[in-house]
Amino acid sequence: MLPLKEYQTTLLDAFTGFLNRAKELKSAKTAFAESTLEGFGHALPYNPLPTTNDIPYVCLRVPTGGGKTRIAGQAIARINQAFMASDYSLVIWLVPSKPIRLQTLYALRTAGELLHDDMRELFGAVNVLDIDEALSLQPSTLNTANTIIVATMQSFKRDEPEGLRVCRQNGALMPHFNNVPESLRGEHSLVDVIRLR
C-alpha cells in the first residue's frame, strides 16, 4: 500500500483522537471542543446533525488534490476501530453528482486503483454497491465484510423520484427484519435497513 502523506496521517490521527474521546465521554460535542482546542488553540462550536447528538458529525477539510477520496476510505477503518468496535460496517458514501458517483464506483471496484487496493489492504473483502444493487441487499452481505453503498445525495431525498425508491417498502429486504421488534421495522425499506445497522 502506498504510504499516506504526513498531512493525511496527521488529519486521520486527529480524527481518530476525536472518535476515541467521543466514545469515552459519550459526547461528540465535548470531544469536538477538546479536539479543536488542542488543534487550533481554541474550541470551535459543534453543530450536530438534527436528532443525532450522540453520533459524531464532523467535516475533514482537505485542499483540492489533497487525497480526499483516499482519506475517506482510510477514515472507514478509523471509525470501525475507534468508534464502532466492529469488524464490518455499512458505509453510505455520498457524492454530489452522477459523474463523481461513477468515478468513485470505478475507483473502489477496479483492481490497481489506489482506493480499491487501499480498501482490500485495510479490510480484505469489501462489498461495493450502487443504489440499485443496495435495493436487494441481503443480511449475509453485511455480516461478512464492510459494505459501501455509493450514491448521490439525491438518492436519499424523498422529494426526488430516485429518493422514493430507498424510502418505500421493499420485499427483497424483508430478511433484515426477521426477529426485529415491530416498533423498529419501519417501512421495511433500504433506509430502515441502514437505520437498523
C-alpha atoms as a PDB file:
ATOM      1  CA  MET A   1       0.000   0.000   0.000  1.00  0.00           C
ATOM      2  CA  LEU A   2       1.284   3.448  -0.931  1.00  0.00           C
ATOM      3  CA  PRO A   3       2.113   5.285   2.310  1.00  0.00           C
ATOM      4  CA  LEU A   4      -0.063   8.194   3.349  1.00  0.00           C
ATOM      5  CA  LYS A   5       1.381  11.681   3.174  1.00  0.00           C
ATOM      6  CA  GLU A   6       2.292  13.269   6.500  1.00  0.00           C
ATOM      7  CA  TYR A   7      -0.633  15.720   6.482  1.00  0.00           C
ATOM      8  CA  GLN A   8      -3.048  12.856   5.696  1.00  0.00           C
ATOM      9  CA  THR A   9      -1.741  10.825   8.639  1.00  0.00           C
ATOM     10  CA  THR A  10      -1.917  13.885  10.912  1.00  0.00           C
ATOM     11  CA  LEU A  11      -5.531  14.523   9.886  1.00  0.00           C
ATOM     12  CA  LEU A  12      -6.552  10.886  10.328  1.00  0.00           C
ATOM     13  CA  ASP A  13      -4.808  10.696  13.712  1.00  0.00           C
ATOM     14  CA  ALA A  14      -6.674  13.829  14.871  1.00  0.00           C
ATOM     15  CA  PHE A  15      -9.933  12.296  13.608  1.00  0.00           C
ATOM     16  CA  THR A  16      -9.190   9.075  15.492  1.00  0.00           C
ATOM     17  CA  GLY A  17      -8.472  11.061  18.658  1.00  0.00           C
ATOM     18  CA  PHE A  18     -11.813  12.821  18.310  1.00  0.00           C
ATOM     19  CA  LEU A  19     -13.622   9.490  17.824  1.00  0.00           C
ATOM     20  CA  ASN A  20     -11.887   7.940  20.838  1.00  0.00           C
ATOM     21  CA  ARG A  21     -12.832  10.914  23.030  1.00  0.00           C
ATOM     22  CA  ALA A  22     -16.419  10.967  21.722  1.00  0.00           C
ATOM     23  CA  LYS A  23     -16.812   7.307  22.645  1.00  0.00           C
ATOM     24  CA  GLU A  24     -15.085   7.712  26.019  1.00  0.00           C
ATOM     25  CA  LEU A  25     -17.020  10.836  27.005  1.00  0.00           C
ATOM     26  CA  LYS A  26     -20.260   9.762  25.322  1.00  0.00           C
ATOM     27  CA  SER A  27     -20.399  13.287  23.956  1.00  0.00           C
ATOM     28  CA  ALA A  28     -19.367  14.286  20.455  1.00  0.00           C
ATOM     29  CA  LYS A  29     -19.820  17.938  21.435  1.00  0.00           C
ATOM     30  CA  THR A  30     -17.333  17.761  24.311  1.00  0.00           C
ATOM     31  CA  ALA A  31     -14.891  15.677  22.265  1.00  0.00           C
ATOM     32  CA  PHE A  32     -15.077  18.223  19.437  1.00  0.00           C
ATOM     33  CA  ALA A  33     -14.381  21.095  21.835  1.00  0.00           C
ATOM     34  CA  GLU A  34     -11.365  19.255  23.255  1.00  0.00           C
ATOM     35  CA  SER A  35     -10.070  18.266  19.814  1.00  0.00           C
ATOM     36  CA  THR A  36     -10.362  21.727  18.306  1.00  0.00           C
ATOM     37  CA  LEU A  37      -8.847  23.324  21.404  1.00  0.00           C
ATOM     38  CA  GLU A  38      -5.858  21.023  21.035  1.00  0.00           C
ATOM     39  CA  GLY A  39      -5.598  21.501  17.263  1.00  0.00           C
ATOM     40  CA  PHE A  40      -6.399  25.212  16.893  1.00  0.00           C
ATOM     41  CA  GLY A  41      -5.794  26.679  20.329  1.00  0.00           C
ATOM     42  CA  HIS A  42      -9.489  27.405  20.882  1.00  0.00           C
ATOM     43  CA  ALA A  43     -12.658  25.320  20.981  1.00  0.00           C
ATOM     44  CA  LEU A  44     -14.838  25.606  17.897  1.00  0.00           C
ATOM     45  CA  PRO A  45     -18.640  25.326  18.121  1.00  0.00           C
ATOM     46  CA  TYR A  46     -20.031  21.882  17.397  1.00  0.00           C
ATOM     47  CA  ASN A  47     -23.043  21.569  15.098  1.00  0.00           C
ATOM     48  CA  PRO A  48     -24.621  18.102  15.359  1.00  0.00           C
ATOM     49  CA  LEU A  49     -26.961  16.624  12.810  1.00  0.00           C
ATOM     50  CA  PRO A  50     -30.564  17.192  13.909  1.00  0.00           C
ATOM     51  CA  THR A  51     -31.823  14.444  16.269  1.00  0.00           C
ATOM     52  CA  THR A  52     -28.430  12.668  16.311  1.00  0.00           C
ATOM     53  CA  ASN A  53     -26.500  14.360  19.085  1.00  0.00           C
ATOM     54  CA  ASP A  54     -24.667  11.164  20.056  1.00  0.00           C
ATOM     55  CA  ILE A  55     -23.354  10.377  16.572  1.00  0.00           C
ATOM     56  CA  PRO A  56     -20.092  12.180  15.804  1.00  0.00           C
ATOM     57  CA  TYR A  57     -20.528  14.517  12.866  1.00  0.00           C
ATOM     58  CA  VAL A  58     -17.508  16.394  11.559  1.00  0.00           C
ATOM     59  CA  CYS A  59     -16.081  17.665   8.305  1.00  0.00           C
ATOM     60  CA  LEU A  60     -12.467  16.853   7.484  1.00  0.00           C
ATOM     61  CA  ARG A  61     -11.187  19.715   5.332  1.00  0.00           C
ATOM     62  CA  VAL A  62      -8.573  18.883   2.738  1.00  0.00           C
ATOM     63  CA  PRO A  63      -7.417  21.138  -0.111  1.00  0.00           C
ATOM     64  CA  THR A  64      -8.029  20.288  -3.758  1.00  0.00           C
ATOM     65  CA  GLY A  65      -5.704  17.475  -4.766  1.00  0.00           C
ATOM     66  CA  GLY A  66      -5.158  16.530  -1.128  1.00  0.00           C
ATOM     67  CA  GLY A  67      -6.476  12.981  -1.469  1.00  0.00           C
ATOM     68  CA  LYS A  68      -9.999  13.406  -0.082  1.00  0.00           C
ATOM     69  CA  THR A  69     -11.234  10.139  -1.550  1.00  0.00           C
ATOM     70  CA  ARG A  70      -8.298   8.198  -0.134  1.00  0.00           C
ATOM     71  CA  ILE A  71      -8.716   9.864   3.261  1.00  0.00           C
ATOM     72  CA  ALA A  72     -12.409   8.935   3.220  1.00  0.00           C
ATOM     73  CA  GLY A  73     -11.523   5.296   2.629  1.00  0.00           C
ATOM     74  CA  GLN A  74      -8.918   5.344   5.387  1.00  0.00           C
ATOM     75  CA  ALA A  75     -11.438   7.022   7.726  1.00  0.00           C
ATOM     76  CA  ILE A  76     -13.713   3.963   7.481  1.00  0.00           C
ATOM     77  CA  ALA A  77     -11.040   1.854   9.172  1.00  0.00           C
ATOM     78  CA  ARG A  78     -10.549   4.501  11.859  1.00  0.00           C
ATOM     79  CA  ILE A  79     -14.289   4.636  12.567  1.00  0.00           C
ATOM     80  CA  ASN A  80     -14.558   0.838  12.744  1.00  0.00           C
ATOM     81  CA  GLN A  81     -11.660   0.585  15.184  1.00  0.00           C
ATOM     82  CA  ALA A  82     -12.036   3.690  17.333  1.00  0.00           C
ATOM     83  CA  PHE A  83     -15.764   4.230  17.497  1.00  0.00           C
ATOM     84  CA  MET A  84     -17.768   1.258  16.279  1.00  0.00           C
ATOM     85  CA  ALA A  85     -15.604  -1.522  17.733  1.00  0.00           C
ATOM     86  CA  SER A  86     -16.763  -3.556  14.755  1.00  0.00           C
ATOM     87  CA  ASP A  87     -15.066  -5.542  12.044  1.00  0.00           C
ATOM     88  CA  TYR A  88     -17.728  -4.719   9.475  1.00  0.00           C
ATOM     89  CA  SER A  89     -19.705  -1.589   8.869  1.00  0.00           C
ATOM     90  CA  LEU A  90     -22.257  -0.324   6.413  1.00  0.00           C
ATOM     91  CA  VAL A  91     -20.974   2.874   4.801  1.00  0.00           C
ATOM     92  CA  ILE A  92     -23.094   5.287   2.812  1.00  0.00           C
ATOM     93  CA  TRP A  93     -20.620   7.129   0.566  1.00  0.00           C
ATOM     94  CA  LEU A  94     -22.488  10.198  -0.660  1.00  0.00           C
ATOM     95  CA  VAL A  95     -21.242  12.143  -3.663  1.00  0.00           C
ATOM     96  CA  PRO A  96     -22.593  15.360  -5.212  1.00  0.00           C
ATOM     97  CA  SER A  97     -23.185  14.165  -8.790  1.00  0.00           C
ATOM     98  CA  LYS A  98     -23.650  11.134 -11.018  1.00  0.00           C
ATOM     99  CA  PRO A  99     -20.259  11.552 -12.757  1.00  0.00           C
ATOM    100  CA  ILE A 100     -18.480  11.548  -9.377  1.00  0.00           C
ATOM    101  CA  ARG A 101     -20.579   8.532  -8.324  1.00  0.00           C
ATOM    102  CA  LEU A 102     -19.353   6.645 -11.393  1.00  0.00           C
ATOM    103  CA  GLN A 103     -15.736   7.711 -10.738  1.00  0.00           C
ATOM    104  CA  THR A 104     -15.970   6.604  -7.107  1.00  0.00           C
ATOM    105  CA  LEU A 105     -17.536   3.257  -8.012  1.00  0.00           C
ATOM    106  CA  TYR A 106     -14.758   2.701 -10.551  1.00  0.00           C
ATOM    107  CA  ALA A 107     -12.039   3.606  -8.028  1.00  0.00           C
ATOM    108  CA  LEU A 108     -13.497   1.285  -5.383  1.00  0.00           C
ATOM    109  CA  ARG A 109     -14.159  -1.659  -7.725  1.00  0.00           C
ATOM    110  CA  THR A 110     -11.142  -1.693 -10.046  1.00  0.00           C
ATOM    111  CA  ALA A 111      -8.022  -3.635  -9.087  1.00  0.00           C
ATOM    112  CA  GLY A 112      -4.940  -1.443  -9.431  1.00  0.00           C
ATOM    113  CA  GLU A 113      -6.805   1.722  -8.454  1.00  0.00           C
ATOM    114  CA  LEU A 114      -5.357   3.212  -5.254  1.00  0.00           C
ATOM    115  CA  LEU A 115      -8.714   3.322  -3.439  1.00  0.00           C
ATOM    116  CA  HIS A 116      -9.554  -0.283  -4.388  1.00  0.00           C
ATOM    117  CA  ASP A 117      -6.158  -1.507  -3.249  1.00  0.00           C
ATOM    118  CA  ASP A 118      -6.312   0.524  -0.008  1.00  0.00           C
ATOM    119  CA  MET A 119      -9.702  -0.952   0.886  1.00  0.00           C
ATOM    120  CA  ARG A 120      -8.527  -4.518   0.262  1.00  0.00           C
ATOM    121  CA  GLU A 121      -5.343  -3.905   2.254  1.00  0.00           C
ATOM    122  CA  LEU A 122      -7.312  -2.449   5.176  1.00  0.00           C
ATOM    123  CA  PHE A 123     -10.274  -4.832   5.187  1.00  0.00           C
ATOM    124  CA  GLY A 124      -9.751  -7.799   2.911  1.00  0.00           C
ATOM    125  CA  ALA A 125     -13.159  -8.262   1.350  1.00  0.00           C
ATOM    126  CA  VAL A 126     -15.245  -5.170   0.632  1.00  0.00           C
ATOM    127  CA  ASN A 127     -18.695  -5.094  -0.946  1.00  0.00           C
ATOM    128  CA  VAL A 128     -19.160  -2.042  -3.162  1.00  0.00           C
ATOM    129  CA  LEU A 129     -22.730  -1.399  -4.276  1.00  0.00           C
ATOM    130  CA  ASP A 130     -24.593   1.246  -6.196  1.00  0.00           C
ATOM    131  CA  ILE A 131     -28.084   2.199  -5.066  1.00  0.00           C
ATOM    132  CA  ASP A 132     -29.782  -0.283  -7.423  1.00  0.00           C
ATOM    133  CA  GLU A 133     -27.738  -3.171  -6.018  1.00  0.00           C
ATOM    134  CA  ALA A 134     -28.376  -1.980  -2.454  1.00  0.00           C
ATOM    135  CA  LEU A 135     -32.128  -2.310  -3.004  1.00  0.00           C
ATOM    136  CA  SER A 136     -31.682  -6.100  -2.966  1.00  0.00           C
ATOM    137  CA  LEU A 137     -29.001  -6.193  -0.254  1.00  0.00           C
ATOM    138  CA  GLN A 138     -29.065  -9.309   1.931  1.00  0.00           C
ATOM    139  CA  PRO A 139     -28.010  -9.634   5.609  1.00  0.00           C
ATOM    140  CA  SER A 140     -25.246 -12.099   4.702  1.00  0.00           C
ATOM    141  CA  THR A 141     -23.565  -9.367   2.645  1.00  0.00           C
ATOM    142  CA  LEU A 142     -23.478  -7.032   5.643  1.00  0.00           C
ATOM    143  CA  ASN A 143     -22.400  -9.750   8.062  1.00  0.00           C
ATOM    144  CA  THR A 144     -19.311 -10.884   6.149  1.00  0.00           C
ATOM    145  CA  ALA A 145     -17.497  -7.720   5.010  1.00  0.00           C
ATOM    146  CA  ASN A 146     -17.536  -3.948   5.043  1.00  0.00           C
ATOM    147  CA  THR A 147     -20.194  -2.775   2.628  1.00  0.00           C
ATOM    148  CA  ILE A 148     -20.014   0.570   0.861  1.00  0.00           C
ATOM    149  CA  ILE A 149     -23.067   1.962  -0.901  1.00  0.00           C
ATOM    150  CA  VAL A 150     -22.039   4.742  -3.281  1.00  0.00           C
ATOM    151  CA  ALA A 151     -24.904   7.103  -4.050  1.00  0.00           C
ATOM    152  CA  THR A 152     -25.700  10.675  -4.875  1.00  0.00           C
ATOM    153  CA  MET A 153     -27.227  12.843  -2.188  1.00  0.00           C
ATOM    154  CA  GLN A 154     -30.407  12.982  -4.302  1.00  0.00           C
ATOM    155  CA  SER A 155     -30.797   9.209  -3.810  1.00  0.00           C
ATOM    156  CA  PHE A 156     -31.915   9.840  -0.234  1.00  0.00           C
ATOM    157  CA  LYS A 157     -34.181  12.844  -0.752  1.00  0.00           C
ATOM    158  CA  ARG A 158     -37.847  11.975  -0.501  1.00  0.00           C
ATOM    159  CA  ASP A 159     -38.809  14.736  -2.930  1.00  0.00           C
ATOM    160  CA  GLU A 160     -36.724  13.124  -5.715  1.00  0.00           C
ATOM    161  CA  PRO A 161     -38.047  10.108  -7.694  1.00  0.00           C
ATOM    162  CA  GLU A 162     -34.770   8.284  -7.014  1.00  0.00           C
ATOM    163  CA  GLY A 163     -35.078   9.004  -3.288  1.00  0.00           C
ATOM    164  CA  LEU A 164     -38.521   7.484  -3.096  1.00  0.00           C
ATOM    165  CA  ARG A 165     -37.080   4.072  -4.025  1.00  0.00           C
ATOM    166  CA  VAL A 166     -34.908   3.923  -0.905  1.00  0.00           C
ATOM    167  CA  CYS A 167     -37.764   5.021   1.375  1.00  0.00           C
ATOM    168  CA  ARG A 168     -40.527   2.695   0.237  1.00  0.00           C
ATOM    169  CA  GLN A 169     -41.285  -0.840   1.318  1.00  0.00           C
ATOM    170  CA  ASN A 170     -39.135  -3.418  -0.419  1.00  0.00           C
ATOM    171  CA  GLY A 171     -39.870  -7.137  -0.224  1.00  0.00           C
ATOM    172  CA  ALA A 172     -36.297  -8.049  -1.205  1.00  0.00           C
ATOM    173  CA  LEU A 173     -35.113  -6.528   2.083  1.00  0.00           C
ATOM    174  CA  MET A 174     -37.501  -8.456   4.356  1.00  0.00           C
ATOM    175  CA  PRO A 175     -34.785 -10.830   5.734  1.00  0.00           C
ATOM    176  CA  HIS A 176     -33.210  -7.848   7.533  1.00  0.00           C
ATOM    177  CA  PHE A 177     -36.313  -7.522   9.696  1.00  0.00           C
ATOM    178  CA  ASN A 178     -36.559 -11.104  10.972  1.00  0.00           C
ATOM    179  CA  ASN A 179     -36.601 -11.091  14.779  1.00  0.00           C
ATOM    180  CA  VAL A 180     -36.698  -7.289  14.860  1.00  0.00           C
ATOM    181  CA  PRO A 181     -39.391  -5.759  17.092  1.00  0.00           C
ATOM    182  CA  GLU A 182     -42.290  -4.291  15.126  1.00  0.00           C
ATOM    183  CA  SER A 183     -41.575  -0.844  16.538  1.00  0.00           C
ATOM    184  CA  LEU A 184     -38.123  -0.841  14.860  1.00  0.00           C
ATOM    185  CA  ARG A 185     -39.113  -2.199  11.443  1.00  0.00           C
ATOM    186  CA  GLY A 186     -40.321   0.994   9.833  1.00  0.00           C
ATOM    187  CA  GLU A 187     -41.482   0.511   6.243  1.00  0.00           C
ATOM    188  CA  HIS A 188     -39.069  -2.371   5.519  1.00  0.00           C
ATOM    189  CA  SER A 189     -37.148  -0.038   3.209  1.00  0.00           C
ATOM    190  CA  LEU A 190     -33.469   0.435   2.460  1.00  0.00           C
ATOM    191  CA  VAL A 191     -33.489   3.477   4.734  1.00  0.00           C
ATOM    192  CA  ASP A 192     -34.813   1.247   7.516  1.00  0.00           C
ATOM    193  CA  VAL A 193     -32.070  -1.337   6.892  1.00  0.00           C
ATOM    194  CA  ILE A 194     -29.472   1.442   7.140  1.00  0.00           C
ATOM    195  CA  ARG A 195     -31.084   2.748  10.347  1.00  0.00           C
ATOM    196  CA  LEU A 196     -31.019  -0.753  11.898  1.00  0.00           C
ATOM    197  CA  ARG A 197     -27.324  -1.156  11.108  1.00  0.00           C
END
